[in-house]
Amino acid sequence: MSASAQPKQDGRVARRTGTREAIMDAATELFAARGVTSTSIDDIAAAVGIAKGSIYYNFESKAGLVEEIMARNSELMAAALRSATRGRTGPDLRDEVVRALLRLVQEHAAAAQVMVTELFRTERSWREAIARWRGLALSPLIDDLRASGAEGVVADVQAAAIVGATLMAGLEWLVFHPERSYDQVIAAVLGTLAR
């Protein structure tokens, strides 16, 4: 199809998509810095430079905004893990999960901080969204560990330990030791997780 024959995108759709992304980006940064509870819709609107009503137009509520942020981060992580683990098994798969998670923490530090912080807040309305994110993070490991003979509980706990150690090390790196390289951090985490 030639450029002139392609359907034109509605400018309003493009603007709305851009506005939604800007809102989610600003909210993620503010949630990471202040926490979800301590960040108001007014704070987010001011950070984006839009009216508060624009946030409610794009997201029904603050909880809806948080759920959308979590869904976006879940999809990003799922794609990264699929790519990293395709065709891999055993220790090679586990190493690639660690590498992919640390890369995501490095490239999306605020999002990682929000996701990890909200993981343990069980009373939130977005609990289902965070449970989905957790499941996506653990599932390649659980599936592989079970395929290699680990029993249910053992596989679940080992997968949680690998993901938990990786995320904690990643946040520790970015908050307290940003001068360290990705290669230094990955070597330390993989060395710690080696059996």
N, C-alpha and C. Protein backbone atom coordinates (compact mmCIF):
# COMPACT_ATOMS: atom_id res chain seq x y z
N MET A 1 0.85 -1.17 0.00
CA MET A 1 0.00 0.00 0.00
C MET A 1 0.89 1.23 0.00
N SER A 2 0.64 2.16 -0.87
CA SER A 2 1.45 3.37 -0.92
C SER A 2 1.11 4.28 0.25
N ALA A 3 2.00 5.22 0.52
CA ALA A 3 1.79 6.13 1.65
C ALA A 3 0.49 6.91 1.47
N SER A 4 0.15 7.28 0.24
CA SER A 4 -1.06 8.06 0.03
C SER A 4 -2.31 7.19 0.16
N ALA A 5 -2.18 5.87 -0.01
CA ALA A 5 -3.34 4.97 0.07
C ALA A 5 -3.58 4.46 1.49
N GLN A 6 -2.64 4.68 2.40
CA GLN A 6 -2.79 4.21 3.78
C GLN A 6 -3.83 5.07 4.50
N PRO A 7 -4.63 4.44 5.36
CA PRO A 7 -5.60 5.23 6.10
C PRO A 7 -4.89 6.22 7.01
N LYS A 8 -5.47 7.41 7.10
CA LYS A 8 -4.88 8.44 7.96
C LYS A 8 -5.30 8.18 9.40
N GLN A 9 -4.35 8.39 10.30
CA GLN A 9 -4.65 8.22 11.71
C GLN A 9 -5.34 9.48 12.22
N ASP A 10 -6.38 9.31 12.96
CA ASP A 10 -7.09 10.42 13.55
C ASP A 10 -6.14 11.15 14.51
N GLY A 11 -5.97 12.43 14.33
CA GLY A 11 -5.07 13.20 15.19
C GLY A 11 -5.47 13.15 16.65
N ARG A 12 -6.77 13.04 16.91
CA ARG A 12 -7.23 12.97 18.31
C ARG A 12 -6.76 11.68 18.97
N VAL A 13 -6.78 10.58 18.22
CA VAL A 13 -6.33 9.29 18.75
C VAL A 13 -4.84 9.38 19.09
N ALA A 14 -4.04 9.95 18.20
CA ALA A 14 -2.60 10.08 18.44
C ALA A 14 -2.34 10.96 19.66
N ARG A 15 -3.08 12.08 19.76
CA ARG A 15 -2.89 12.96 20.92
C ARG A 15 -3.29 12.27 22.21
N ARG A 16 -4.42 11.54 22.17
CA ARG A 16 -4.87 10.86 23.37
C ARG A 16 -3.86 9.80 23.80
N THR A 17 -3.33 9.05 22.84
CA THR A 17 -2.32 8.05 23.15
C THR A 17 -1.09 8.72 23.77
N GLY A 18 -0.66 9.81 23.20
CA GLY A 18 0.49 10.54 23.74
C GLY A 18 0.22 11.08 25.13
N THR A 19 -0.99 11.58 25.35
CA THR A 19 -1.37 12.09 26.66
C THR A 19 -1.40 10.97 27.68
N ARG A 20 -1.99 9.84 27.32
CA ARG A 20 -2.04 8.68 28.24
C ARG A 20 -0.64 8.24 28.64
N GLU A 21 0.25 8.16 27.65
CA GLU A 21 1.63 7.75 27.94
C GLU A 21 2.32 8.77 28.85
N ALA A 22 2.13 10.05 28.58
CA ALA A 22 2.74 11.09 29.41
C ALA A 22 2.22 11.02 30.84
N ILE A 23 0.93 10.78 30.99
CA ILE A 23 0.34 10.66 32.33
C ILE A 23 0.95 9.46 33.05
N MET A 24 1.00 8.32 32.37
CA MET A 24 1.54 7.12 33.01
C MET A 24 3.02 7.30 33.35
N ASP A 25 3.79 7.94 32.47
CA ASP A 25 5.20 8.17 32.75
C ASP A 25 5.39 9.07 33.97
N ALA A 26 4.65 10.18 34.01
CA ALA A 26 4.77 11.10 35.15
C ALA A 26 4.30 10.45 36.44
N ALA A 27 3.18 9.73 36.37
CA ALA A 27 2.66 9.06 37.56
C ALA A 27 3.65 8.02 38.08
N THR A 28 4.27 7.28 37.18
CA THR A 28 5.24 6.27 37.59
C THR A 28 6.40 6.92 38.34
N GLU A 29 6.93 8.01 37.80
CA GLU A 29 8.03 8.71 38.47
C GLU A 29 7.60 9.22 39.85
N LEU A 30 6.41 9.81 39.93
CA LEU A 30 5.93 10.32 41.21
C LEU A 30 5.64 9.19 42.20
N PHE A 31 5.04 8.11 41.73
CA PHE A 31 4.76 6.97 42.61
C PHE A 31 6.05 6.39 43.16
N ALA A 32 7.08 6.33 42.33
CA ALA A 32 8.37 5.80 42.79
C ALA A 32 8.99 6.71 43.84
N ALA A 33 8.87 8.01 43.64
CA ALA A 33 9.49 8.97 44.56
C ALA A 33 8.69 9.14 45.85
N ARG A 34 7.36 9.16 45.76
CA ARG A 34 6.52 9.49 46.91
C ARG A 34 5.64 8.36 47.41
N GLY A 35 5.42 7.38 46.58
CA GLY A 35 4.46 6.34 46.88
C GLY A 35 3.13 6.65 46.24
N VAL A 36 2.35 5.62 45.99
CA VAL A 36 1.06 5.80 45.33
C VAL A 36 0.12 6.61 46.21
N THR A 37 0.04 6.26 47.47
CA THR A 37 -0.88 6.93 48.38
C THR A 37 -0.56 8.41 48.54
N SER A 38 0.70 8.76 48.57
CA SER A 38 1.10 10.15 48.81
C SER A 38 1.11 11.00 47.55
N THR A 39 0.79 10.44 46.42
CA THR A 39 0.76 11.18 45.16
C THR A 39 -0.69 11.43 44.77
N SER A 40 -1.02 12.69 44.57
CA SER A 40 -2.40 13.03 44.20
C SER A 40 -2.55 13.17 42.69
N ILE A 41 -3.78 13.16 42.25
CA ILE A 41 -4.08 13.42 40.84
C ILE A 41 -3.61 14.83 40.49
N ASP A 42 -3.75 15.77 41.40
CA ASP A 42 -3.25 17.13 41.16
C ASP A 42 -1.75 17.14 40.91
N ASP A 43 -1.01 16.34 41.69
CA ASP A 43 0.45 16.25 41.50
C ASP A 43 0.79 15.74 40.10
N ILE A 44 0.05 14.72 39.68
CA ILE A 44 0.31 14.13 38.36
C ILE A 44 -0.03 15.12 37.25
N ALA A 45 -1.16 15.78 37.39
CA ALA A 45 -1.57 16.77 36.38
C ALA A 45 -0.54 17.89 36.27
N ALA A 46 -0.04 18.36 37.41
CA ALA A 46 0.97 19.42 37.40
C ALA A 46 2.26 18.94 36.72
N ALA A 47 2.65 17.71 37.00
CA ALA A 47 3.88 17.17 36.40
C ALA A 47 3.75 17.06 34.88
N VAL A 48 2.57 16.72 34.39
CA VAL A 48 2.36 16.58 32.95
C VAL A 48 2.07 17.93 32.30
N GLY A 49 1.55 18.87 33.10
CA GLY A 49 1.17 20.17 32.55
C GLY A 49 -0.20 20.15 31.89
N ILE A 50 -1.11 19.37 32.48
CA ILE A 50 -2.47 19.26 31.95
C ILE A 50 -3.47 19.51 33.07
N ALA A 51 -4.73 19.64 32.70
CA ALA A 51 -5.80 19.79 33.69
C ALA A 51 -6.09 18.44 34.34
N LYS A 52 -6.48 18.48 35.58
CA LYS A 52 -6.82 17.25 36.32
C LYS A 52 -7.90 16.45 35.59
N GLY A 53 -8.83 17.12 34.97
CA GLY A 53 -9.89 16.44 34.24
C GLY A 53 -9.38 15.57 33.11
N SER A 54 -8.23 15.94 32.55
CA SER A 54 -7.64 15.12 31.47
C SER A 54 -7.22 13.75 31.99
N ILE A 55 -6.80 13.70 33.23
CA ILE A 55 -6.43 12.40 33.80
C ILE A 55 -7.68 11.54 33.96
N TYR A 56 -8.76 12.15 34.47
CA TYR A 56 -10.00 11.39 34.64
C TYR A 56 -10.63 11.03 33.29
N TYR A 57 -10.38 11.82 32.27
CA TYR A 57 -10.86 11.49 30.93
C TYR A 57 -10.15 10.26 30.38
N ASN A 58 -8.85 10.14 30.67
CA ASN A 58 -8.04 9.03 30.16
C ASN A 58 -8.06 7.80 31.06
N PHE A 59 -8.30 8.01 32.33
CA PHE A 59 -8.33 6.92 33.31
C PHE A 59 -9.50 7.22 34.25
N GLU A 60 -10.30 6.26 34.53
CA GLU A 60 -11.50 6.51 35.33
C GLU A 60 -11.20 7.02 36.74
N SER A 61 -10.06 6.62 37.27
CA SER A 61 -9.73 6.93 38.65
C SER A 61 -8.22 6.78 38.84
N LYS A 62 -7.76 7.13 40.01
CA LYS A 62 -6.34 6.92 40.33
C LYS A 62 -6.04 5.42 40.33
N ALA A 63 -6.95 4.63 40.86
CA ALA A 63 -6.75 3.17 40.86
C ALA A 63 -6.68 2.65 39.42
N GLY A 64 -7.52 3.19 38.55
CA GLY A 64 -7.47 2.79 37.14
C GLY A 64 -6.15 3.13 36.50
N LEU A 65 -5.60 4.29 36.85
CA LEU A 65 -4.28 4.70 36.36
C LEU A 65 -3.21 3.73 36.85
N VAL A 66 -3.24 3.39 38.13
CA VAL A 66 -2.27 2.44 38.68
C VAL A 66 -2.38 1.10 37.97
N GLU A 67 -3.59 0.63 37.75
CA GLU A 67 -3.78 -0.65 37.06
C GLU A 67 -3.23 -0.61 35.64
N GLU A 68 -3.43 0.49 34.94
CA GLU A 68 -2.90 0.63 33.58
C GLU A 68 -1.37 0.64 33.58
N ILE A 69 -0.78 1.30 34.56
CA ILE A 69 0.68 1.31 34.68
C ILE A 69 1.19 -0.11 34.92
N MET A 70 0.51 -0.83 35.78
CA MET A 70 0.92 -2.20 36.07
C MET A 70 0.74 -3.09 34.85
N ALA A 71 -0.34 -2.90 34.11
CA ALA A 71 -0.56 -3.69 32.90
C ALA A 71 0.52 -3.40 31.86
N ARG A 72 0.87 -2.13 31.71
CA ARG A 72 1.92 -1.76 30.76
C ARG A 72 3.24 -2.40 31.14
N ASN A 73 3.58 -2.36 32.43
CA ASN A 73 4.83 -2.95 32.90
C ASN A 73 4.81 -4.48 32.82
N SER A 74 3.65 -5.07 33.02
CA SER A 74 3.52 -6.52 32.88
C SER A 74 3.78 -6.95 31.45
N GLU A 75 3.22 -6.23 30.50
CA GLU A 75 3.43 -6.56 29.09
C GLU A 75 4.89 -6.38 28.69
N LEU A 76 5.50 -5.33 29.17
CA LEU A 76 6.91 -5.07 28.89
C LEU A 76 7.78 -6.21 29.43
N MET A 77 7.51 -6.62 30.67
CA MET A 77 8.28 -7.69 31.28
C MET A 77 8.02 -9.02 30.59
N ALA A 78 6.76 -9.30 30.28
CA ALA A 78 6.43 -10.56 29.61
C ALA A 78 7.15 -10.68 28.28
N ALA A 79 7.18 -9.60 27.52
CA ALA A 79 7.87 -9.62 26.22
C ALA A 79 9.36 -9.84 26.41
N ALA A 80 9.96 -9.17 27.39
CA ALA A 80 11.39 -9.32 27.65
C ALA A 80 11.72 -10.75 28.07
N LEU A 81 10.90 -11.33 28.93
CA LEU A 81 11.16 -12.70 29.40
C LEU A 81 10.94 -13.72 28.29
N ARG A 82 9.92 -13.52 27.47
CA ARG A 82 9.71 -14.44 26.33
C ARG A 82 10.93 -14.43 25.41
N SER A 83 11.40 -13.25 25.12
CA SER A 83 12.56 -13.12 24.23
C SER A 83 13.81 -13.75 24.86
N ALA A 84 14.01 -13.50 26.14
CA ALA A 84 15.22 -13.97 26.82
C ALA A 84 15.23 -15.48 27.02
N THR A 85 14.06 -16.08 27.18
CA THR A 85 14.02 -17.51 27.54
C THR A 85 13.68 -18.43 26.38
N ARG A 86 13.36 -17.88 25.24
CA ARG A 86 12.97 -18.71 24.08
C ARG A 86 14.05 -19.76 23.79
N GLY A 87 13.64 -21.02 23.83
CA GLY A 87 14.54 -22.12 23.50
C GLY A 87 15.54 -22.47 24.59
N ARG A 88 15.40 -21.91 25.76
CA ARG A 88 16.36 -22.17 26.84
C ARG A 88 15.73 -23.01 27.94
N THR A 89 16.57 -23.74 28.65
CA THR A 89 16.13 -24.53 29.80
C THR A 89 17.22 -24.53 30.85
N GLY A 90 16.86 -25.01 32.03
CA GLY A 90 17.82 -25.21 33.11
C GLY A 90 18.53 -23.94 33.54
N PRO A 91 19.80 -24.07 33.95
CA PRO A 91 20.55 -22.92 34.43
C PRO A 91 20.65 -21.79 33.40
N ASP A 92 20.70 -22.14 32.12
CA ASP A 92 20.76 -21.12 31.07
C ASP A 92 19.50 -20.25 31.09
N LEU A 93 18.33 -20.88 31.23
CA LEU A 93 17.08 -20.13 31.33
C LEU A 93 17.07 -19.25 32.56
N ARG A 94 17.48 -19.79 33.70
CA ARG A 94 17.48 -19.02 34.94
C ARG A 94 18.41 -17.81 34.83
N ASP A 95 19.57 -18.01 34.23
CA ASP A 95 20.51 -16.89 34.04
C ASP A 95 19.90 -15.81 33.15
N GLU A 96 19.19 -16.22 32.11
CA GLU A 96 18.60 -15.25 31.19
C GLU A 96 17.44 -14.50 31.83
N VAL A 97 16.69 -15.16 32.71
CA VAL A 97 15.64 -14.46 33.46
C VAL A 97 16.27 -13.38 34.33
N VAL A 98 17.34 -13.72 35.02
CA VAL A 98 18.03 -12.74 35.87
C VAL A 98 18.54 -11.57 35.03
N ARG A 99 19.17 -11.87 33.92
CA ARG A 99 19.68 -10.81 33.05
C ARG A 99 18.55 -9.89 32.55
N ALA A 100 17.46 -10.51 32.12
CA ALA A 100 16.33 -9.72 31.59
C ALA A 100 15.72 -8.85 32.68
N LEU A 101 15.54 -9.41 33.87
CA LEU A 101 14.96 -8.62 34.97
C LEU A 101 15.88 -7.45 35.36
N LEU A 102 17.18 -7.71 35.45
CA LEU A 102 18.09 -6.62 35.80
C LEU A 102 18.13 -5.55 34.71
N ARG A 103 18.03 -5.95 33.46
CA ARG A 103 18.00 -4.97 32.37
C ARG A 103 16.74 -4.11 32.48
N LEU A 104 15.60 -4.74 32.79
CA LEU A 104 14.36 -3.99 32.96
C LEU A 104 14.46 -3.02 34.14
N VAL A 105 15.06 -3.47 35.23
CA VAL A 105 15.23 -2.58 36.39
C VAL A 105 16.11 -1.40 35.99
N GLN A 106 17.16 -1.66 35.25
CA GLN A 106 18.06 -0.59 34.81
C GLN A 106 17.35 0.39 33.89
N GLU A 107 16.61 -0.12 32.93
CA GLU A 107 15.98 0.74 31.92
C GLU A 107 14.67 1.36 32.38
N HIS A 108 14.04 0.80 33.38
CA HIS A 108 12.74 1.28 33.87
C HIS A 108 12.75 1.29 35.40
N ALA A 109 13.69 2.03 35.96
CA ALA A 109 13.92 2.01 37.41
C ALA A 109 12.69 2.42 38.21
N ALA A 110 12.03 3.49 37.82
CA ALA A 110 10.86 3.95 38.57
C ALA A 110 9.75 2.91 38.53
N ALA A 111 9.52 2.34 37.37
CA ALA A 111 8.48 1.31 37.25
C ALA A 111 8.81 0.11 38.12
N ALA A 112 10.05 -0.32 38.11
CA ALA A 112 10.47 -1.46 38.95
C ALA A 112 10.23 -1.15 40.42
N GLN A 113 10.57 0.05 40.83
CA GLN A 113 10.39 0.44 42.23
C GLN A 113 8.91 0.40 42.60
N VAL A 114 8.05 0.91 41.74
CA VAL A 114 6.62 0.91 42.02
C VAL A 114 6.09 -0.52 42.08
N MET A 115 6.47 -1.33 41.13
CA MET A 115 5.96 -2.70 41.08
C MET A 115 6.40 -3.50 42.32
N VAL A 116 7.65 -3.38 42.70
CA VAL A 116 8.15 -4.11 43.86
C VAL A 116 7.49 -3.59 45.14
N THR A 117 7.36 -2.29 45.27
CA THR A 117 6.73 -1.71 46.46
C THR A 117 5.28 -2.16 46.58
N GLU A 118 4.55 -2.14 45.49
CA GLU A 118 3.13 -2.49 45.52
C GLU A 118 2.89 -4.00 45.64
N LEU A 119 3.91 -4.79 45.38
CA LEU A 119 3.79 -6.24 45.46
C LEU A 119 3.29 -6.69 46.84
N PHE A 120 3.67 -5.98 47.87
CA PHE A 120 3.34 -6.42 49.23
C PHE A 120 2.18 -5.65 49.85
N ARG A 121 1.50 -4.84 49.08
CA ARG A 121 0.34 -4.10 49.58
C ARG A 121 -0.92 -4.85 49.16
N THR A 122 -1.35 -5.78 49.99
CA THR A 122 -2.40 -6.71 49.61
C THR A 122 -3.80 -6.11 49.64
N GLU A 123 -3.97 -4.95 50.27
CA GLU A 123 -5.31 -4.38 50.40
C GLU A 123 -5.70 -3.47 49.24
N ARG A 124 -4.85 -3.30 48.26
CA ARG A 124 -5.10 -2.38 47.16
C ARG A 124 -6.08 -2.95 46.14
N SER A 125 -6.83 -2.07 45.50
CA SER A 125 -7.80 -2.51 44.49
C SER A 125 -7.10 -3.09 43.26
N TRP A 126 -5.84 -2.78 43.07
CA TRP A 126 -5.10 -3.30 41.91
C TRP A 126 -4.32 -4.57 42.25
N ARG A 127 -4.71 -5.25 43.29
CA ARG A 127 -4.05 -6.47 43.72
C ARG A 127 -4.00 -7.51 42.60
N GLU A 128 -5.07 -7.59 41.83
CA GLU A 128 -5.12 -8.55 40.73
C GLU A 128 -4.06 -8.23 39.67
N ALA A 129 -3.87 -6.95 39.40
CA ALA A 129 -2.87 -6.54 38.40
C ALA A 129 -1.46 -6.88 38.88
N ILE A 130 -1.20 -6.69 40.15
CA ILE A 130 0.13 -6.99 40.68
C ILE A 130 0.33 -8.50 40.74
N ALA A 131 -0.73 -9.25 41.02
CA ALA A 131 -0.62 -10.72 41.03
C ALA A 131 -0.30 -11.23 39.62
N ARG A 132 -0.88 -10.60 38.61
CA ARG A 132 -0.57 -10.99 37.23
C ARG A 132 0.90 -10.72 36.93
N TRP A 133 1.39 -9.57 37.33
CA TRP A 133 2.80 -9.21 37.11
C TRP A 133 3.70 -10.23 37.80
N ARG A 134 3.38 -10.56 39.04
CA ARG A 134 4.16 -11.54 39.79
C ARG A 134 4.15 -12.89 39.08
N GLY A 135 2.99 -13.31 38.63
CA GLY A 135 2.88 -14.58 37.92
C GLY A 135 3.72 -14.61 36.66
N LEU A 136 3.72 -13.52 35.91
CA LEU A 136 4.53 -13.44 34.69
C LEU A 136 6.02 -13.52 35.01
N ALA A 137 6.43 -12.90 36.11
CA ALA A 137 7.84 -12.93 36.49
C ALA A 137 8.29 -14.32 36.90
N LEU A 138 7.42 -15.04 37.59
CA LEU A 138 7.78 -16.35 38.13
C LEU A 138 7.57 -17.51 37.16
N SER A 139 6.60 -17.39 36.27
CA SER A 139 6.18 -18.56 35.48
C SER A 139 7.27 -19.23 34.64
N PRO A 140 8.17 -18.49 33.96
CA PRO A 140 9.19 -19.23 33.20
C PRO A 140 10.07 -20.07 34.11
N LEU A 141 10.35 -19.55 35.28
CA LEU A 141 11.20 -20.28 36.23
C LEU A 141 10.46 -21.47 36.82
N ILE A 142 9.22 -21.26 37.24
CA ILE A 142 8.44 -22.36 37.82
C ILE A 142 8.28 -23.49 36.81
N ASP A 143 7.91 -23.12 35.58
CA ASP A 143 7.73 -24.14 34.55
C ASP A 143 9.01 -24.94 34.32
N ASP A 144 10.13 -24.24 34.24
CA ASP A 144 11.40 -24.92 33.99
C ASP A 144 11.83 -25.77 35.18
N LEU A 145 11.67 -25.24 36.38
CA LEU A 145 12.06 -26.00 37.57
C LEU A 145 11.21 -27.26 37.71
N ARG A 146 9.92 -27.15 37.44
CA ARG A 146 9.05 -28.33 37.50
C ARG A 146 9.42 -29.34 36.42
N ALA A 147 9.74 -28.85 35.24
CA ALA A 147 10.13 -29.75 34.14
C ALA A 147 11.42 -30.50 34.47
N SER A 148 12.27 -29.87 35.30
CA SER A 148 13.52 -30.53 35.66
C SER A 148 13.38 -31.40 36.92
N GLY A 149 12.14 -31.55 37.41
CA GLY A 149 11.90 -32.48 38.51
C GLY A 149 11.62 -31.86 39.86
N ALA A 150 11.68 -30.55 39.99
CA ALA A 150 11.38 -29.92 41.28
C ALA A 150 9.89 -30.07 41.57
N GLU A 151 9.56 -30.36 42.80
CA GLU A 151 8.16 -30.46 43.20
C GLU A 151 7.54 -29.08 43.28
N GLY A 152 6.20 -29.03 43.30
CA GLY A 152 5.44 -27.78 43.28
C GLY A 152 5.92 -26.70 44.22
N VAL A 153 5.94 -26.99 45.51
CA VAL A 153 6.32 -25.98 46.49
C VAL A 153 7.78 -25.58 46.32
N VAL A 154 8.64 -26.54 46.09
CA VAL A 154 10.06 -26.25 45.90
C VAL A 154 10.27 -25.35 44.69
N ALA A 155 9.62 -25.67 43.58
CA ALA A 155 9.75 -24.86 42.37
C ALA A 155 9.23 -23.46 42.60
N ASP A 156 8.08 -23.33 43.27
CA ASP A 156 7.50 -22.02 43.54
C ASP A 156 8.42 -21.16 44.39
N VAL A 157 8.96 -21.76 45.45
CA VAL A 157 9.83 -20.99 46.36
C VAL A 157 11.16 -20.64 45.69
N GLN A 158 11.72 -21.59 44.96
CA GLN A 158 12.98 -21.30 44.26
C GLN A 158 12.79 -20.17 43.24
N ALA A 159 11.70 -20.22 42.50
CA ALA A 159 11.43 -19.17 41.51
C ALA A 159 11.27 -17.83 42.21
N ALA A 160 10.53 -17.79 43.32
CA ALA A 160 10.35 -16.54 44.07
C ALA A 160 11.68 -16.04 44.61
N ALA A 161 12.54 -16.95 45.05
CA ALA A 161 13.85 -16.55 45.57
C ALA A 161 14.72 -15.93 44.47
N ILE A 162 14.69 -16.52 43.29
CA ILE A 162 15.49 -15.99 42.18
C ILE A 162 15.00 -14.60 41.78
N VAL A 163 13.68 -14.48 41.59
CA VAL A 163 13.12 -13.19 41.18
C VAL A 163 13.30 -12.16 42.29
N GLY A 164 13.01 -12.55 43.53
CA GLY A 164 13.14 -11.61 44.65
C GLY A 164 14.56 -11.12 44.84
N ALA A 165 15.52 -12.02 44.79
CA ALA A 165 16.93 -11.63 44.94
C ALA A 165 17.36 -10.72 43.80
N THR A 166 16.90 -11.03 42.60
CA THR A 166 17.27 -10.23 41.44
C THR A 166 16.71 -8.82 41.54
N LEU A 167 15.42 -8.71 41.87
CA LEU A 167 14.81 -7.38 41.97
C LEU A 167 15.40 -6.57 43.12
N MET A 168 15.64 -7.21 44.25
CA MET A 168 16.23 -6.49 45.39
C MET A 168 17.64 -6.02 45.05
N ALA A 169 18.42 -6.88 44.43
CA ALA A 169 19.78 -6.49 44.03
C ALA A 169 19.73 -5.36 43.00
N GLY A 170 18.78 -5.43 42.09
CA GLY A 170 18.65 -4.38 41.08
C GLY A 170 18.29 -3.04 41.68
N LEU A 171 17.36 -3.03 42.60
CA LEU A 171 16.99 -1.76 43.24
C LEU A 171 18.11 -1.25 44.14
N GLU A 172 18.77 -2.15 44.84
CA GLU A 172 19.93 -1.78 45.66
C GLU A 172 20.99 -1.11 44.78
N TRP A 173 21.24 -1.69 43.63
CA TRP A 173 22.21 -1.16 42.68
C TRP A 173 21.85 0.25 42.25
N LEU A 174 20.62 0.44 41.82
CA LEU A 174 20.24 1.75 41.29
C LEU A 174 20.13 2.83 42.35
N VAL A 175 19.70 2.45 43.55
CA VAL A 175 19.53 3.44 44.61
C VAL A 175 20.84 3.75 45.32
N PHE A 176 21.60 2.73 45.65
CA PHE A 176 22.79 2.93 46.48
C PHE A 176 24.12 2.85 45.75
N HIS A 177 24.16 2.19 44.61
CA HIS A 177 25.43 2.03 43.89
C HIS A 177 25.26 2.21 42.38
N PRO A 178 24.73 3.34 41.96
CA PRO A 178 24.51 3.53 40.52
C PRO A 178 25.80 3.58 39.70
N GLU A 179 26.92 3.74 40.37
CA GLU A 179 28.20 3.79 39.67
C GLU A 179 28.65 2.41 39.18
N ARG A 180 28.04 1.36 39.70
CA ARG A 180 28.40 0.01 39.28
C ARG A 180 27.79 -0.28 37.90
N SER A 181 28.49 -1.06 37.14
CA SER A 181 28.01 -1.40 35.80
C SER A 181 27.03 -2.57 35.85
N TYR A 182 26.26 -2.68 34.80
CA TYR A 182 25.35 -3.82 34.65
C TYR A 182 26.13 -5.13 34.74
N ASP A 183 27.28 -5.18 34.06
CA ASP A 183 28.08 -6.41 34.06
C ASP A 183 28.55 -6.79 35.46
N GLN A 184 28.94 -5.79 36.27
CA GLN A 184 29.35 -6.08 37.65
C GLN A 184 28.19 -6.64 38.46
N VAL A 185 27.03 -6.03 38.30
CA VAL A 185 25.86 -6.45 39.07
C VAL A 185 25.40 -7.83 38.63
N ILE A 186 25.33 -8.07 37.34
CA ILE A 186 24.87 -9.37 36.86
C ILE A 186 25.82 -10.48 37.31
N ALA A 187 27.11 -10.22 37.28
CA ALA A 187 28.09 -11.22 37.72
C ALA A 187 27.89 -11.53 39.20
N ALA A 188 27.66 -10.50 40.02
CA ALA A 188 27.46 -10.71 41.46
C ALA A 188 26.17 -11.48 41.73
N VAL A 189 25.09 -11.12 41.05
CA VAL A 189 23.81 -11.80 41.28
C VAL A 189 23.90 -13.24 40.81
N LEU A 190 24.43 -13.48 39.62
CA LEU A 190 24.52 -14.86 39.13
C LEU A 190 25.45 -15.68 40.01
N GLY A 191 26.53 -15.07 40.52
CA GLY A 191 27.43 -15.78 41.43
C GLY A 191 26.74 -16.16 42.72
N THR A 192 25.89 -15.29 43.22
CA THR A 192 25.15 -15.56 44.45
C THR A 192 24.11 -16.66 44.24
N LEU A 193 23.46 -16.65 43.09
CA LEU A 193 22.41 -17.61 42.82
C LEU A 193 22.91 -18.97 42.35
N ALA A 194 24.20 -19.06 42.01
CA ALA A 194 24.75 -20.34 41.54
C ALA A 194 24.65 -21.38 42.63
N ARG A 195 24.32 -22.60 42.21
CA ARG A 195 24.22 -23.69 43.20
C ARG A 195 25.46 -24.51 43.19
